[in-house]
């Protein structure tokens, strides 16, 4: 599965962005579609996850501000980011997790988000 992320950019604090991640194959049966981020000098961290069962998970630092959604018909997962903060500045990566049995992940190339204060 190839993943193409886009939608990053420069935004002022308090602003919003919507990231998109288009997959080259069907995502309907993919265990989880995730968004990660990596800020300069920091480790990559999970931002949000959308499971095949329809559940969504958010890390505490984005709860109430970010929303993950997946459109299986378009093979695309989205991350709506509202009330952005300077600490949200990072490269955001899309991930397709095939689950605990297959233990295979696919990564997109990343899209950069910069939030100015």
C-alpha atoms as a PDB file:
ATOM      1  CA  UNK A   1       0.000   0.000   0.000  1.00  0.00           C
ATOM      2  CA  UNK A   2       1.358   3.397  -0.958  1.00  0.00           C
ATOM      3  CA  UNK A   3       0.242   6.395   1.045  1.00  0.00           C
ATOM      4  CA  UNK A   4       0.289   9.998  -0.132  1.00  0.00           C
ATOM      5  CA  UNK A   5      -0.177  12.634   2.542  1.00  0.00           C
ATOM      6  CA  UNK A   6      -0.890  16.259   1.815  1.00  0.00           C
ATOM      7  CA  UNK A   7      -2.490  19.337   3.321  1.00  0.00           C
ATOM      8  CA  UNK A   8       0.296  20.626   5.516  1.00  0.00           C
ATOM      9  CA  UNK A   9       1.397  24.221   5.561  1.00  0.00           C
ATOM     10  CA  UNK A  10       2.002  27.326   7.617  1.00  0.00           C
ATOM     11  CA  UNK A  11      -0.810  28.549   9.846  1.00  0.00           C
ATOM     12  CA  UNK A  12      -1.138  30.937  12.746  1.00  0.00           C
ATOM     13  CA  UNK A  13      -1.905  29.708  16.237  1.00  0.00           C
ATOM     14  CA  UNK A  14      -5.613  29.123  16.606  1.00  0.00           C
ATOM     15  CA  UNK A  15      -5.989  28.274  12.945  1.00  0.00           C
ATOM     16  CA  UNK A  16      -6.899  25.021  11.288  1.00  0.00           C
ATOM     17  CA  UNK A  17      -5.702  22.618   8.640  1.00  0.00           C
ATOM     18  CA  UNK A  18      -7.010  19.406   7.164  1.00  0.00           C
ATOM     19  CA  UNK A  19      -4.558  16.703   6.239  1.00  0.00           C
ATOM     20  CA  UNK A  20      -5.416  14.008   3.748  1.00  0.00           C
ATOM     21  CA  UNK A  21      -3.827  10.642   3.160  1.00  0.00           C
ATOM     22  CA  UNK A  22      -4.722   8.827  -0.020  1.00  0.00           C
ATOM     23  CA  UNK A  23      -3.981   5.122  -0.264  1.00  0.00           C
ATOM     24  CA  UNK A  24      -3.189   3.218  -3.446  1.00  0.00           C
ATOM     25  CA  UNK A  25      -5.402   0.330  -2.390  1.00  0.00           C
ATOM     26  CA  UNK A  26      -8.556  -0.253  -0.449  1.00  0.00           C
ATOM     27  CA  UNK A  27      -8.385   0.751   3.196  1.00  0.00           C
ATOM     28  CA  UNK A  28     -11.735  -0.777   4.107  1.00  0.00           C
ATOM     29  CA  UNK A  29     -10.153  -3.799   5.761  1.00  0.00           C
ATOM     30  CA  UNK A  30      -7.038  -2.156   7.131  1.00  0.00           C
ATOM     31  CA  UNK A  31      -6.886  -2.703  10.887  1.00  0.00           C
ATOM     32  CA  UNK A  32      -6.021   0.905  11.683  1.00  0.00           C
ATOM     33  CA  UNK A  33      -5.251   4.068   9.780  1.00  0.00           C
ATOM     34  CA  UNK A  34      -3.128   6.321  11.921  1.00  0.00           C
ATOM     35  CA  UNK A  35      -1.599   9.759  11.954  1.00  0.00           C
ATOM     36  CA  UNK A  36       1.762  10.220  13.630  1.00  0.00           C
ATOM     37  CA  UNK A  37       3.912  13.296  13.959  1.00  0.00           C
ATOM     38  CA  UNK A  38       7.557  14.032  14.561  1.00  0.00           C
ATOM     39  CA  UNK A  39       8.752  17.384  15.768  1.00  0.00           C
ATOM     40  CA  UNK A  40      12.391  18.446  15.315  1.00  0.00           C
ATOM     41  CA  UNK A  41      14.595  16.659  17.801  1.00  0.00           C
ATOM     42  CA  UNK A  42      11.761  14.513  19.119  1.00  0.00           C
ATOM     43  CA  UNK A  43      10.570  10.975  18.609  1.00  0.00           C
ATOM     44  CA  UNK A  44       7.677  10.156  16.355  1.00  0.00           C
ATOM     45  CA  UNK A  45       4.434   9.989  18.303  1.00  0.00           C
ATOM     46  CA  UNK A  46       0.928   8.742  17.630  1.00  0.00           C
ATOM     47  CA  UNK A  47      -1.601  11.516  17.112  1.00  0.00           C
ATOM     48  CA  UNK A  48      -4.800   9.697  16.215  1.00  0.00           C
ATOM     49  CA  UNK A  49      -6.014   6.335  15.033  1.00  0.00           C
ATOM     50  CA  UNK A  50      -9.072   5.155  13.141  1.00  0.00           C
ATOM     51  CA  UNK A  51      -9.827   1.462  13.430  1.00  0.00           C
ATOM     52  CA  UNK A  52     -11.570  -0.845  10.996  1.00  0.00           C
ATOM     53  CA  UNK A  53     -14.390  -1.187  13.506  1.00  0.00           C
ATOM     54  CA  UNK A  54     -15.090   2.527  13.380  1.00  0.00           C
ATOM     55  CA  UNK A  55     -13.452   3.580  16.613  1.00  0.00           C
ATOM     56  CA  UNK A  56     -11.212   6.599  16.935  1.00  0.00           C
ATOM     57  CA  UNK A  57      -8.387   7.118  19.367  1.00  0.00           C
ATOM     58  CA  UNK A  58      -6.654  10.383  20.181  1.00  0.00           C
ATOM     59  CA  UNK A  59      -3.569  11.208  22.127  1.00  0.00           C
ATOM     60  CA  UNK A  60      -4.274  13.478  25.052  1.00  0.00           C
ATOM     61  CA  UNK A  61      -2.461  16.419  23.524  1.00  0.00           C
ATOM     62  CA  UNK A  62      -4.946  16.641  20.615  1.00  0.00           C
ATOM     63  CA  UNK A  63      -8.197  15.538  22.221  1.00  0.00           C
ATOM     64  CA  UNK A  64     -10.975  17.986  21.531  1.00  0.00           C
ATOM     65  CA  UNK A  65      -8.980  19.730  18.801  1.00  0.00           C
ATOM     66  CA  UNK A  66      -8.248  17.098  16.144  1.00  0.00           C
ATOM     67  CA  UNK A  67     -10.634  14.730  14.398  1.00  0.00           C
ATOM     68  CA  UNK A  68      -9.649  11.684  12.388  1.00  0.00           C
ATOM     69  CA  UNK A  69     -11.954  10.243   9.775  1.00  0.00           C
ATOM     70  CA  UNK A  70     -11.706   7.697   7.013  1.00  0.00           C
ATOM     71  CA  UNK A  71     -13.565   7.499   3.736  1.00  0.00           C
ATOM     72  CA  UNK A  72     -13.307   3.899   2.636  1.00  0.00           C
ATOM     73  CA  UNK A  73     -14.954   4.670  -0.697  1.00  0.00           C
ATOM     74  CA  UNK A  74     -12.157   7.112  -1.521  1.00  0.00           C
ATOM     75  CA  UNK A  75      -9.409   5.124   0.217  1.00  0.00           C
ATOM     76  CA  UNK A  76      -8.538   8.268   2.117  1.00  0.00           C
ATOM     77  CA  UNK A  77      -8.071   9.153   5.753  1.00  0.00           C
ATOM     78  CA  UNK A  78      -8.271  12.713   7.036  1.00  0.00           C
ATOM     79  CA  UNK A  79      -7.044  14.623  10.032  1.00  0.00           C
ATOM     80  CA  UNK A  80      -8.953  17.805  10.777  1.00  0.00           C
ATOM     81  CA  UNK A  81      -6.814  19.967  13.030  1.00  0.00           C
ATOM     82  CA  UNK A  82      -8.446  22.882  14.806  1.00  0.00           C
ATOM     83  CA  UNK A  83      -7.184  25.328  17.425  1.00  0.00           C
ATOM     84  CA  UNK A  84      -3.625  24.680  16.358  1.00  0.00           C
ATOM     85  CA  UNK A  85      -0.816  25.491  18.730  1.00  0.00           C
ATOM     86  CA  UNK A  86       2.862  26.173  18.053  1.00  0.00           C
ATOM     87  CA  UNK A  87       3.666  22.862  19.751  1.00  0.00           C
ATOM     88  CA  UNK A  88       1.715  21.098  17.007  1.00  0.00           C
ATOM     89  CA  UNK A  89       4.507  22.021  14.606  1.00  0.00           C
ATOM     90  CA  UNK A  90       5.845  18.770  13.164  1.00  0.00           C
ATOM     91  CA  UNK A  91       5.982  16.552  10.139  1.00  0.00           C
ATOM     92  CA  UNK A  92       2.786  14.515  10.073  1.00  0.00           C
ATOM     93  CA  UNK A  93       2.856  10.969   8.749  1.00  0.00           C
ATOM     94  CA  UNK A  94       0.078   8.690   7.665  1.00  0.00           C
ATOM     95  CA  UNK A  95       0.359   5.035   8.654  1.00  0.00           C
ATOM     96  CA  UNK A  96      -1.537   1.933   7.609  1.00  0.00           C
ATOM     97  CA  UNK A  97      -1.385  -0.696  10.322  1.00  0.00           C
ATOM     98  CA  UNK A  98      -2.344  -4.172   9.126  1.00  0.00           C
ATOM     99  CA  UNK A  99      -2.861  -5.384  12.662  1.00  0.00           C
ATOM    100  CA  UNK A 100      -1.248  -7.454  15.399  1.00  0.00           C
ATOM    101  CA  UNK A 101      -1.235 -10.711  13.419  1.00  0.00           C
ATOM    102  CA  UNK A 102       0.421  -9.447  10.241  1.00  0.00           C
ATOM    103  CA  UNK A 103       2.579  -6.877  12.060  1.00  0.00           C
ATOM    104  CA  UNK A 104       3.051  -4.862   8.871  1.00  0.00           C
ATOM    105  CA  UNK A 105       2.983  -1.083   8.629  1.00  0.00           C
ATOM    106  CA  UNK A 106       3.034   1.186   5.629  1.00  0.00           C
ATOM    107  CA  UNK A 107       4.115   4.807   5.890  1.00  0.00           C
ATOM    108  CA  UNK A 108       3.448   7.854   3.805  1.00  0.00           C
ATOM    109  CA  UNK A 109       6.100  10.449   3.053  1.00  0.00           C
ATOM    110  CA  UNK A 110       4.947  13.025   5.590  1.00  0.00           C
ATOM    111  CA  UNK A 111       3.544  16.509   5.298  1.00  0.00           C
ATOM    112  CA  UNK A 112       4.932  19.434   7.235  1.00  0.00           C
ATOM    113  CA  UNK A 113       2.791  21.547   9.537  1.00  0.00           C
ATOM    114  CA  UNK A 114       4.142  24.780  10.977  1.00  0.00           C
ATOM    115  CA  UNK A 115       2.143  26.776  13.493  1.00  0.00           C
ATOM    116  CA  UNK A 116       3.365  30.280  14.194  1.00  0.00           C
ATOM    117  CA  UNK A 117       2.680  32.092  17.452  1.00  0.00           C
END
